[in-house]
Amino acid sequence: MFRRCLVAAATILIAALPQVVWACPMCAETVAADDNLPKAYMYSILFMMGMPAILASGFGFAFYRLVKKQQALHAAAMAAVAETQSEPEPVEELVGSVAD
């Protein structure tokens, strides 16, 4: 319990003191001096945040297609088995084979 209170107090203290999380002076001056640099940082952050979502979506879609293909193959196999089992043999052939 004490540990949780200590972590919560540290988090509140860091959030209350914004100068602790400021960038270094060189980075701050560079970003302020160039108009295109903040846009480049923004796009790089968006790209880095978007890549895991794109990769997860790609893998998810690939697994979805594999499952659907497997289900279609299974359904086709079951239909073929049901078709071969449901055809009754003609009565004439059975009677003729017994009479011979």
PDB file of N, CA and C in Angstrom:
ATOM      1  N   MET A   1       0.830  -1.188   0.000  1.00  0.00           N
ATOM      2  CA  MET A   1       0.000   0.000   0.000  1.00  0.00           C
ATOM      3  C   MET A   1       0.877   1.254   0.000  1.00  0.00           C
ATOM      4  N   PHE A   2       1.937   1.195   0.821  1.00  0.00           N
ATOM      5  CA  PHE A   2       2.847   2.341   0.866  1.00  0.00           C
ATOM      6  C   PHE A   2       3.512   2.572  -0.480  1.00  0.00           C
ATOM      7  N   ARG A   3       3.845   1.479  -1.137  1.00  0.00           N
ATOM      8  CA  ARG A   3       4.522   1.574  -2.434  1.00  0.00           C
ATOM      9  C   ARG A   3       3.618   2.243  -3.472  1.00  0.00           C
ATOM     10  N   ARG A   4       2.329   1.884  -3.487  1.00  0.00           N
ATOM     11  CA  ARG A   4       1.390   2.501  -4.420  1.00  0.00           C
ATOM     12  C   ARG A   4       1.236   3.990  -4.155  1.00  0.00           C
ATOM     13  N   CYS A   5       1.170   4.361  -2.886  1.00  0.00           N
ATOM     14  CA  CYS A   5       1.059   5.783  -2.528  1.00  0.00           C
ATOM     15  C   CYS A   5       2.312   6.544  -2.965  1.00  0.00           C
ATOM     16  N   LEU A   6       3.468   5.923  -2.804  1.00  0.00           N
ATOM     17  CA  LEU A   6       4.713   6.556  -3.206  1.00  0.00           C
ATOM     18  C   LEU A   6       4.772   6.758  -4.722  1.00  0.00           C
ATOM     19  N   VAL A   7       4.348   5.756  -5.484  1.00  0.00           N
ATOM     20  CA  VAL A   7       4.330   5.872  -6.949  1.00  0.00           C
ATOM     21  C   VAL A   7       3.329   6.944  -7.380  1.00  0.00           C
ATOM     22  N   ALA A   8       2.160   6.975  -6.749  1.00  0.00           N
ATOM     23  CA  ALA A   8       1.160   7.984  -7.087  1.00  0.00           C
ATOM     24  C   ALA A   8       1.664   9.385  -6.767  1.00  0.00           C
ATOM     25  N   ALA A   9       2.328   9.560  -5.637  1.00  0.00           N
ATOM     26  CA  ALA A   9       2.863  10.869  -5.256  1.00  0.00           C
ATOM     27  C   ALA A   9       3.960  11.299  -6.233  1.00  0.00           C
ATOM     28  N   ALA A  10       4.810  10.376  -6.647  1.00  0.00           N
ATOM     29  CA  ALA A  10       5.872  10.712  -7.599  1.00  0.00           C
ATOM     30  C   ALA A  10       5.279  11.110  -8.943  1.00  0.00           C
ATOM     31  N   THR A  11       4.246  10.410  -9.381  1.00  0.00           N
ATOM     32  CA  THR A  11       3.597  10.724 -10.657  1.00  0.00           C
ATOM     33  C   THR A  11       2.951  12.103 -10.611  1.00  0.00           C
ATOM     34  N   ILE A  12       2.271  12.409  -9.524  1.00  0.00           N
ATOM     35  CA  ILE A  12       1.635  13.727  -9.386  1.00  0.00           C
ATOM     36  C   ILE A  12       2.689  14.820  -9.324  1.00  0.00           C
ATOM     37  N   LEU A  13       3.783  14.585  -8.625  1.00  0.00           N
ATOM     38  CA  LEU A  13       4.858  15.578  -8.532  1.00  0.00           C
ATOM     39  C   LEU A  13       5.479  15.852  -9.901  1.00  0.00           C
ATOM     40  N   ILE A  14       5.726  14.816 -10.679  1.00  0.00           N
ATOM     41  CA  ILE A  14       6.303  15.002 -12.016  1.00  0.00           C
ATOM     42  C   ILE A  14       5.324  15.729 -12.927  1.00  0.00           C
ATOM     43  N   ALA A  15       4.045  15.398 -12.835  1.00  0.00           N
ATOM     44  CA  ALA A  15       3.046  16.067 -13.664  1.00  0.00           C
ATOM     45  C   ALA A  15       2.860  17.518 -13.266  1.00  0.00           C
ATOM     46  N   ALA A  16       3.064  17.840 -11.985  1.00  0.00           N
ATOM     47  CA  ALA A  16       2.883  19.210 -11.507  1.00  0.00           C
ATOM     48  C   ALA A  16       4.068  20.107 -11.860  1.00  0.00           C
ATOM     49  N   LEU A  17       5.205  19.538 -12.160  1.00  0.00           N
ATOM     50  CA  LEU A  17       6.394  20.320 -12.482  1.00  0.00           C
ATOM     51  C   LEU A  17       6.750  20.146 -13.955  1.00  0.00           C
ATOM     52  N   PRO A  18       6.163  20.931 -14.850  1.00  0.00           N
ATOM     53  CA  PRO A  18       6.394  20.713 -16.282  1.00  0.00           C
ATOM     54  C   PRO A  18       7.830  20.998 -16.726  1.00  0.00           C
ATOM     55  N   GLN A  19       8.576  21.808 -15.999  1.00  0.00           N
ATOM     56  CA  GLN A  19       9.940  22.085 -16.429  1.00  0.00           C
ATOM     57  C   GLN A  19      10.825  20.846 -16.321  1.00  0.00           C
ATOM     58  N   VAL A  20      10.426  19.857 -15.573  1.00  0.00           N
ATOM     59  CA  VAL A  20      11.187  18.619 -15.475  1.00  0.00           C
ATOM     60  C   VAL A  20      11.150  17.862 -16.792  1.00  0.00           C
ATOM     61  N   VAL A  21      10.053  17.952 -17.528  1.00  0.00           N
ATOM     62  CA  VAL A  21       9.897  17.185 -18.752  1.00  0.00           C
ATOM     63  C   VAL A  21      10.171  17.999 -20.008  1.00  0.00           C
ATOM     64  N   TRP A  22      10.693  19.186 -19.888  1.00  0.00           N
ATOM     65  CA  TRP A  22      11.021  19.988 -21.057  1.00  0.00           C
ATOM     66  C   TRP A  22      12.188  19.354 -21.816  1.00  0.00           C
ATOM     67  N   ALA A  23      12.242  19.646 -23.099  1.00  0.00           N
ATOM     68  CA  ALA A  23      13.336  19.130 -23.924  1.00  0.00           C
ATOM     69  C   ALA A  23      14.617  19.891 -23.603  1.00  0.00           C
ATOM     70  N   CYS A  24      15.712  19.332 -24.062  1.00  0.00           N
ATOM     71  CA  CYS A  24      16.982  20.010 -23.851  1.00  0.00           C
ATOM     72  C   CYS A  24      16.987  21.333 -24.636  1.00  0.00           C
ATOM     73  N   PRO A  25      17.779  22.313 -24.242  1.00  0.00           N
ATOM     74  CA  PRO A  25      17.768  23.615 -24.922  1.00  0.00           C
ATOM     75  C   PRO A  25      18.120  23.530 -26.407  1.00  0.00           C
ATOM     76  N   MET A  26      19.013  22.630 -26.794  1.00  0.00           N
ATOM     77  CA  MET A  26      19.391  22.530 -28.208  1.00  0.00           C
ATOM     78  C   MET A  26      18.208  22.038 -29.043  1.00  0.00           C
ATOM     79  N   CYS A  27      17.499  21.033 -28.547  1.00  0.00           N
ATOM     80  CA  CYS A  27      16.343  20.516 -29.287  1.00  0.00           C
ATOM     81  C   CYS A  27      15.243  21.568 -29.371  1.00  0.00           C
ATOM     82  N   ALA A  28      15.012  22.264 -28.281  1.00  0.00           N
ATOM     83  CA  ALA A  28      13.951  23.273 -28.267  1.00  0.00           C
ATOM     84  C   ALA A  28      14.264  24.405 -29.246  1.00  0.00           C
ATOM     85  N   GLU A  29      15.534  24.849 -29.305  1.00  0.00           N
ATOM     86  CA  GLU A  29      15.906  25.927 -30.231  1.00  0.00           C
ATOM     87  C   GLU A  29      15.834  25.456 -31.680  1.00  0.00           C
ATOM     88  N   THR A  30      16.231  24.242 -31.938  1.00  0.00           N
ATOM     89  CA  THR A  30      16.207  23.715 -33.303  1.00  0.00           C
ATOM     90  C   THR A  30      14.777  23.607 -33.812  1.00  0.00           C
ATOM     91  N   VAL A  31      13.892  23.126 -32.975  1.00  0.00           N
ATOM     92  CA  VAL A  31      12.503  22.975 -33.378  1.00  0.00           C
ATOM     93  C   VAL A  31      11.872  24.342 -33.604  1.00  0.00           C
ATOM     94  N   ALA A  32      12.192  25.310 -32.773  1.00  0.00           N
ATOM     95  CA  ALA A  32      11.599  26.637 -32.901  1.00  0.00           C
ATOM     96  C   ALA A  32      12.148  27.381 -34.117  1.00  0.00           C
ATOM     97  N   ALA A  33      13.392  27.109 -34.513  1.00  0.00           N
ATOM     98  CA  ALA A  33      14.015  27.852 -35.607  1.00  0.00           C
ATOM     99  C   ALA A  33      13.525  27.394 -36.974  1.00  0.00           C
ATOM    100  N   ASP A  34      13.176  26.137 -37.135  1.00  0.00           N
ATOM    101  CA  ASP A  34      12.796  25.596 -38.438  1.00  0.00           C
ATOM    102  C   ASP A  34      11.296  25.336 -38.465  1.00  0.00           C
ATOM    103  N   ASP A  35      10.638  25.786 -39.534  1.00  0.00           N
ATOM    104  CA  ASP A  35       9.187  25.610 -39.629  1.00  0.00           C
ATOM    105  C   ASP A  35       8.795  24.184 -40.024  1.00  0.00           C
ATOM    106  N   ASN A  36       9.625  23.513 -40.796  1.00  0.00           N
ATOM    107  CA  ASN A  36       9.285  22.168 -41.261  1.00  0.00           C
ATOM    108  C   ASN A  36       9.643  21.079 -40.261  1.00  0.00           C
ATOM    109  N   LEU A  37      10.543  21.357 -39.338  1.00  0.00           N
ATOM    110  CA  LEU A  37      10.988  20.333 -38.402  1.00  0.00           C
ATOM    111  C   LEU A  37       9.876  19.842 -37.470  1.00  0.00           C
ATOM    112  N   PRO A  38       9.032  20.715 -36.922  1.00  0.00           N
ATOM    113  CA  PRO A  38       7.939  20.192 -36.088  1.00  0.00           C
ATOM    114  C   PRO A  38       6.986  19.283 -36.872  1.00  0.00           C
ATOM    115  N   LYS A  39       6.758  19.605 -38.133  1.00  0.00           N
ATOM    116  CA  LYS A  39       5.911  18.748 -38.965  1.00  0.00           C
ATOM    117  C   LYS A  39       6.582  17.389 -39.175  1.00  0.00           C
ATOM    118  N   ALA A  40       7.888  17.403 -39.383  1.00  0.00           N
ATOM    119  CA  ALA A  40       8.620  16.145 -39.573  1.00  0.00           C
ATOM    120  C   ALA A  40       8.563  15.289 -38.310  1.00  0.00           C
ATOM    121  N   TYR A  41       8.723  15.922 -37.143  1.00  0.00           N
ATOM    122  CA  TYR A  41       8.605  15.176 -35.894  1.00  0.00           C
ATOM    123  C   TYR A  41       7.201  14.586 -35.756  1.00  0.00           C
ATOM    124  N   MET A  42       6.197  15.386 -36.079  1.00  0.00           N
ATOM    125  CA  MET A  42       4.820  14.929 -35.961  1.00  0.00           C
ATOM    126  C   MET A  42       4.580  13.725 -36.877  1.00  0.00           C
ATOM    127  N   TYR A  43       5.029  13.810 -38.131  1.00  0.00           N
ATOM    128  CA  TYR A  43       4.821  12.706 -39.065  1.00  0.00           C
ATOM    129  C   TYR A  43       5.602  11.461 -38.654  1.00  0.00           C
ATOM    130  N   SER A  44       6.791  11.656 -38.108  1.00  0.00           N
ATOM    131  CA  SER A  44       7.562  10.484 -37.668  1.00  0.00           C
ATOM    132  C   SER A  44       6.882   9.805 -36.485  1.00  0.00           C
ATOM    133  N   ILE A  45       6.316  10.584 -35.584  1.00  0.00           N
ATOM    134  CA  ILE A  45       5.598  10.005 -34.450  1.00  0.00           C
ATOM    135  C   ILE A  45       4.351   9.273 -34.931  1.00  0.00           C
ATOM    136  N   LEU A  46       3.615   9.869 -35.856  1.00  0.00           N
ATOM    137  CA  LEU A  46       2.426   9.214 -36.398  1.00  0.00           C
ATOM    138  C   LEU A  46       2.794   7.912 -37.104  1.00  0.00           C
ATOM    139  N   PHE A  47       3.903   7.933 -37.839  1.00  0.00           N
ATOM    140  CA  PHE A  47       4.357   6.732 -38.537  1.00  0.00           C
ATOM    141  C   PHE A  47       4.714   5.636 -37.540  1.00  0.00           C
ATOM    142  N   MET A  48       5.459   6.001 -36.490  1.00  0.00           N
ATOM    143  CA  MET A  48       5.862   5.003 -35.495  1.00  0.00           C
ATOM    144  C   MET A  48       4.662   4.465 -34.726  1.00  0.00           C
ATOM    145  N   MET A  49       3.659   5.294 -34.484  1.00  0.00           N
ATOM    146  CA  MET A  49       2.472   4.824 -33.786  1.00  0.00           C
ATOM    147  C   MET A  49       1.578   3.995 -34.698  1.00  0.00           C
ATOM    148  N   GLY A  50       1.600   4.285 -35.985  1.00  0.00           N
ATOM    149  CA  GLY A  50       0.739   3.584 -36.918  1.00  0.00           C
ATOM    150  C   GLY A  50       1.256   2.229 -37.345  1.00  0.00           C
ATOM    151  N   MET A  51       2.555   2.025 -37.318  1.00  0.00           N
ATOM    152  CA  MET A  51       3.122   0.754 -37.793  1.00  0.00           C
ATOM    153  C   MET A  51       2.637  -0.470 -37.011  1.00  0.00           C
ATOM    154  N   PRO A  52       2.595  -0.446 -35.683  1.00  0.00           N
ATOM    155  CA  PRO A  52       2.073  -1.637 -34.988  1.00  0.00           C
ATOM    156  C   PRO A  52       0.617  -1.938 -35.362  1.00  0.00           C
ATOM    157  N   ALA A  53      -0.191  -0.906 -35.537  1.00  0.00           N
ATOM    158  CA  ALA A  53      -1.588  -1.127 -35.919  1.00  0.00           C
ATOM    159  C   ALA A  53      -1.676  -1.715 -37.326  1.00  0.00           C
ATOM    160  N   ILE A  54      -0.860  -1.229 -38.226  1.00  0.00           N
ATOM    161  CA  ILE A  54      -0.863  -1.752 -39.595  1.00  0.00           C
ATOM    162  C   ILE A  54      -0.399  -3.208 -39.619  1.00  0.00           C
ATOM    163  N   LEU A  55       0.656  -3.514 -38.881  1.00  0.00           N
ATOM    164  CA  LEU A  55       1.156  -4.892 -38.842  1.00  0.00           C
ATOM    165  C   LEU A  55       0.142  -5.836 -38.198  1.00  0.00           C
ATOM    166  N   ALA A  56      -0.461  -5.413 -37.095  1.00  0.00           N
ATOM    167  CA  ALA A  56      -1.460  -6.254 -36.430  1.00  0.00           C
ATOM    168  C   ALA A  56      -2.663  -6.472 -37.334  1.00  0.00           C
ATOM    169  N   SER A  57      -3.089  -5.438 -38.039  1.00  0.00           N
ATOM    170  CA  SER A  57      -4.219  -5.574 -38.963  1.00  0.00           C
ATOM    171  C   SER A  57      -3.869  -6.521 -40.105  1.00  0.00           C
ATOM    172  N   GLY A  58      -2.667  -6.417 -40.623  1.00  0.00           N
ATOM    173  CA  GLY A  58      -2.236  -7.303 -41.708  1.00  0.00           C
ATOM    174  C   GLY A  58      -2.207  -8.758 -41.278  1.00  0.00           C
ATOM    175  N   PHE A  59      -1.621  -9.032 -40.109  1.00  0.00           N
ATOM    176  CA  PHE A  59      -1.591 -10.408 -39.615  1.00  0.00           C
ATOM    177  C   PHE A  59      -2.999 -10.908 -39.318  1.00  0.00           C
ATOM    178  N   GLY A  60      -3.837 -10.060 -38.751  1.00  0.00           N
ATOM    179  CA  GLY A  60      -5.210 -10.448 -38.462  1.00  0.00           C
ATOM    180  C   GLY A  60      -5.978 -10.795 -39.725  1.00  0.00           C
ATOM    181  N   PHE A  61      -5.817  -9.983 -40.761  1.00  0.00           N
ATOM    182  CA  PHE A  61      -6.500 -10.249 -42.023  1.00  0.00           C
ATOM    183  C   PHE A  61      -5.981 -11.536 -42.664  1.00  0.00           C
ATOM    184  N   ALA A  62      -4.673 -11.775 -42.587  1.00  0.00           N
ATOM    185  CA  ALA A  62      -4.105 -13.003 -43.151  1.00  0.00           C
ATOM    186  C   ALA A  62      -4.646 -14.238 -42.423  1.00  0.00           C
ATOM    187  N   PHE A  63      -4.713 -14.192 -41.091  1.00  0.00           N
ATOM    188  CA  PHE A  63      -5.265 -15.319 -40.344  1.00  0.00           C
ATOM    189  C   PHE A  63      -6.747 -15.495 -40.631  1.00  0.00           C
ATOM    190  N   TYR A  64      -7.476 -14.409 -40.798  1.00  0.00           N
ATOM    191  CA  TYR A  64      -8.890 -14.484 -41.136  1.00  0.00           C
ATOM    192  C   TYR A  64      -9.081 -15.211 -42.474  1.00  0.00           C
ATOM    193  N   ARG A  65      -8.271 -14.844 -43.466  1.00  0.00           N
ATOM    194  CA  ARG A  65      -8.373 -15.506 -44.773  1.00  0.00           C
ATOM    195  C   ARG A  65      -8.014 -16.984 -44.685  1.00  0.00           C
ATOM    196  N   LEU A  66      -6.983 -17.318 -43.890  1.00  0.00           N
ATOM    197  CA  LEU A  66      -6.616 -18.722 -43.721  1.00  0.00           C
ATOM    198  C   LEU A  66      -7.755 -19.521 -43.084  1.00  0.00           C
ATOM    199  N   VAL A  67      -8.393 -18.960 -42.074  1.00  0.00           N
ATOM    200  CA  VAL A  67      -9.491 -19.650 -41.406  1.00  0.00           C
ATOM    201  C   VAL A  67     -10.659 -19.836 -42.369  1.00  0.00           C
ATOM    202  N   LYS A  68     -11.005 -18.796 -43.118  1.00  0.00           N
ATOM    203  CA  LYS A  68     -12.113 -18.905 -44.068  1.00  0.00           C
ATOM    204  C   LYS A  68     -11.811 -19.938 -45.155  1.00  0.00           C
ATOM    205  N   LYS A  69     -10.578 -19.980 -45.637  1.00  0.00           N
ATOM    206  CA  LYS A  69     -10.202 -20.965 -46.658  1.00  0.00           C
ATOM    207  C   LYS A  69     -10.289 -22.380 -46.090  1.00  0.00           C
ATOM    208  N   GLN A  70      -9.844 -22.556 -44.847  1.00  0.00           N
ATOM    209  CA  GLN A  70      -9.910 -23.862 -44.210  1.00  0.00           C
ATOM    210  C   GLN A  70     -11.361 -24.293 -43.998  1.00  0.00           C
ATOM    211  N   GLN A  71     -12.219 -23.353 -43.606  1.00  0.00           N
ATOM    212  CA  GLN A  71     -13.632 -23.676 -43.435  1.00  0.00           C
ATOM    213  C   GLN A  71     -14.277 -24.063 -44.766  1.00  0.00           C
ATOM    214  N   ALA A  72     -13.922 -23.386 -45.842  1.00  0.00           N
ATOM    215  CA  ALA A  72     -14.471 -23.718 -47.155  1.00  0.00           C
ATOM    216  C   ALA A  72     -14.018 -25.107 -47.593  1.00  0.00           C
ATOM    217  N   LEU A  73     -12.751 -25.440 -47.381  1.00  0.00           N
ATOM    218  CA  LEU A  73     -12.251 -26.775 -47.730  1.00  0.00           C
ATOM    219  C   LEU A  73     -12.936 -27.856 -46.901  1.00  0.00           C
ATOM    220  N   HIS A  74     -13.141 -27.576 -45.628  1.00  0.00           N
ATOM    221  CA  HIS A  74     -13.807 -28.535 -44.752  1.00  0.00           C
ATOM    222  C   HIS A  74     -15.259 -28.747 -45.187  1.00  0.00           C
ATOM    223  N   ALA A  75     -15.944 -27.652 -45.526  1.00  0.00           N
ATOM    224  CA  ALA A  75     -17.332 -27.763 -45.981  1.00  0.00           C
ATOM    225  C   ALA A  75     -17.421 -28.542 -47.289  1.00  0.00           C
ATOM    226  N   ALA A  76     -16.484 -28.313 -48.200  1.00  0.00           N
ATOM    227  CA  ALA A  76     -16.478 -29.056 -49.468  1.00  0.00           C
ATOM    228  C   ALA A  76     -16.218 -30.539 -49.230  1.00  0.00           C
ATOM    229  N   ALA A  77     -15.325 -30.855 -48.330  1.00  0.00           N
ATOM    230  CA  ALA A  77     -15.030 -32.256 -48.017  1.00  0.00           C
ATOM    231  C   ALA A  77     -16.234 -32.929 -47.372  1.00  0.00           C
ATOM    232  N   MET A  78     -16.898 -32.236 -46.467  1.00  0.00           N
ATOM    233  CA  MET A  78     -18.077 -32.801 -45.818  1.00  0.00           C
ATOM    234  C   MET A  78     -19.211 -32.998 -46.819  1.00  0.00           C
ATOM    235  N   ALA A  79     -19.355 -32.079 -47.765  1.00  0.00           N
ATOM    236  CA  ALA A  79     -20.387 -32.218 -48.792  1.00  0.00           C
ATOM    237  C   ALA A  79     -20.090 -33.418 -49.692  1.00  0.00           C
ATOM    238  N   ALA A  80     -18.820 -33.622 -50.021  1.00  0.00           N
ATOM    239  CA  ALA A  80     -18.442 -34.763 -50.859  1.00  0.00           C
ATOM    240  C   ALA A  80     -18.698 -36.078 -50.129  1.00  0.00           C
ATOM    241  N   VAL A  81     -18.392 -36.118 -48.845  1.00  0.00           N
ATOM    242  CA  VAL A  81     -18.631 -37.329 -48.055  1.00  0.00           C
ATOM    243  C   VAL A  81     -20.125 -37.587 -47.934  1.00  0.00           C
ATOM    244  N   ALA A  82     -20.892 -36.541 -47.689  1.00  0.00           N
ATOM    245  CA  ALA A  82     -22.344 -36.696 -47.562  1.00  0.00           C
ATOM    246  C   ALA A  82     -22.960 -37.132 -48.883  1.00  0.00           C
ATOM    247  N   GLU A  83     -22.426 -36.652 -49.993  1.00  0.00           N
ATOM    248  CA  GLU A  83     -22.951 -37.021 -51.317  1.00  0.00           C
ATOM    249  C   GLU A  83     -22.701 -38.496 -51.607  1.00  0.00           C
ATOM    250  N   THR A  84     -21.533 -39.001 -51.265  1.00  0.00           N
ATOM    251  CA  THR A  84     -21.231 -40.411 -51.533  1.00  0.00           C
ATOM    252  C   THR A  84     -21.989 -41.337 -50.597  1.00  0.00           C
ATOM    253  N   GLN A  85     -22.282 -40.897 -49.404  1.00  0.00           N
ATOM    254  CA  GLN A  85     -22.982 -41.749 -48.451  1.00  0.00           C
ATOM    255  C   GLN A  85     -24.493 -41.744 -48.665  1.00  0.00           C
ATOM    256  N   SER A  86     -25.033 -40.698 -49.254  1.00  0.00           N
ATOM    257  CA  SER A  86     -26.480 -40.597 -49.367  1.00  0.00           C
ATOM    258  C   SER A  86     -27.047 -41.289 -50.611  1.00  0.00           C
ATOM    259  N   GLU A  87     -26.216 -41.713 -51.522  1.00  0.00           N
ATOM    260  CA  GLU A  87     -26.713 -42.374 -52.724  1.00  0.00           C
ATOM    261  C   GLU A  87     -27.048 -43.838 -52.418  1.00  0.00           C
ATOM    262  N   PRO A  88     -28.349 -44.218 -52.501  1.00  0.00           N
ATOM    263  CA  PRO A  88     -28.695 -45.622 -52.238  1.00  0.00           C
ATOM    264  C   PRO A  88     -28.342 -46.496 -53.441  1.00  0.00           C
ATOM    265  N   GLU A  89     -28.017 -47.718 -53.163  1.00  0.00           N
ATOM    266  CA  GLU A  89     -27.714 -48.655 -54.242  1.00  0.00           C
ATOM    267  C   GLU A  89     -29.020 -49.145 -54.856  1.00  0.00           C
ATOM    268  N   PRO A  90     -29.042 -49.364 -56.164  1.00  0.00           N
ATOM    269  CA  PRO A  90     -30.272 -49.857 -56.795  1.00  0.00           C
ATOM    270  C   PRO A  90     -30.632 -51.248 -56.295  1.00  0.00           C
ATOM    271  N   VAL A  91     -31.905 -51.492 -56.133  1.00  0.00           N
ATOM    272  CA  VAL A  91     -32.406 -52.757 -55.614  1.00  0.00           C
ATOM    273  C   VAL A  91     -32.154 -53.899 -56.594  1.00  0.00           C
ATOM    274  N   GLU A  92     -32.250 -53.607 -57.921  1.00  0.00           N
ATOM    275  CA  GLU A  92     -32.065 -54.632 -58.940  1.00  0.00           C
ATOM    276  C   GLU A  92     -30.679 -55.248 -58.860  1.00  0.00           C
ATOM    277  N   GLU A  93     -29.669 -54.422 -58.617  1.00  0.00           N
ATOM    278  CA  GLU A  93     -28.312 -54.945 -58.543  1.00  0.00           C
ATOM    279  C   GLU A  93     -28.149 -55.869 -57.342  1.00  0.00           C
ATOM    280  N   LEU A  94     -28.762 -55.516 -56.234  1.00  0.00           N
ATOM    281  CA  LEU A  94     -28.658 -56.361 -55.047  1.00  0.00           C
ATOM    282  C   LEU A  94     -29.357 -57.698 -55.248  1.00  0.00           C
ATOM    283  N   VAL A  95     -30.523 -57.658 -55.863  1.00  0.00           N
ATOM    284  CA  VAL A  95     -31.276 -58.905 -56.090  1.00  0.00           C
ATOM    285  C   VAL A  95     -30.566 -59.782 -57.108  1.00  0.00           C
ATOM    286  N   GLY A  96     -30.011 -59.159 -58.162  1.00  0.00           N
ATOM    287  CA  GLY A  96     -29.309 -59.923 -59.182  1.00  0.00           C
ATOM    288  C   GLY A  96     -28.067 -60.587 -58.647  1.00  0.00           C
ATOM    289  N   SER A  97     -27.342 -59.962 -57.742  1.00  0.00           N
ATOM    290  CA  SER A  97     -26.127 -60.551 -57.224  1.00  0.00           C
ATOM    291  C   SER A  97     -26.427 -61.718 -56.287  1.00  0.00           C
ATOM    292  N   VAL A  98     -27.549 -61.720 -55.626  1.00  0.00           N
ATOM    293  CA  VAL A  98     -27.933 -62.821 -54.735  1.00  0.00           C
ATOM    294  C   VAL A  98     -28.408 -64.009 -55.573  1.00  0.00           C
ATOM    295  N   ALA A  99     -29.135 -63.755 -56.699  1.00  0.00           N
ATOM    296  CA  ALA A  99     -29.684 -64.826 -57.521  1.00  0.00           C
ATOM    297  C   ALA A  99     -28.591 -65.573 -58.283  1.00  0.00           C
ATOM    298  N   ASP A 100     -27.453 -64.945 -58.554  1.00  0.00           N
ATOM    299  CA  ASP A 100     -26.410 -65.606 -59.333  1.00  0.00           C
ATOM    300  C   ASP A 100     -25.735 -66.645 -58.566  1.00  0.00           C
TER     301      ASP A 100
END
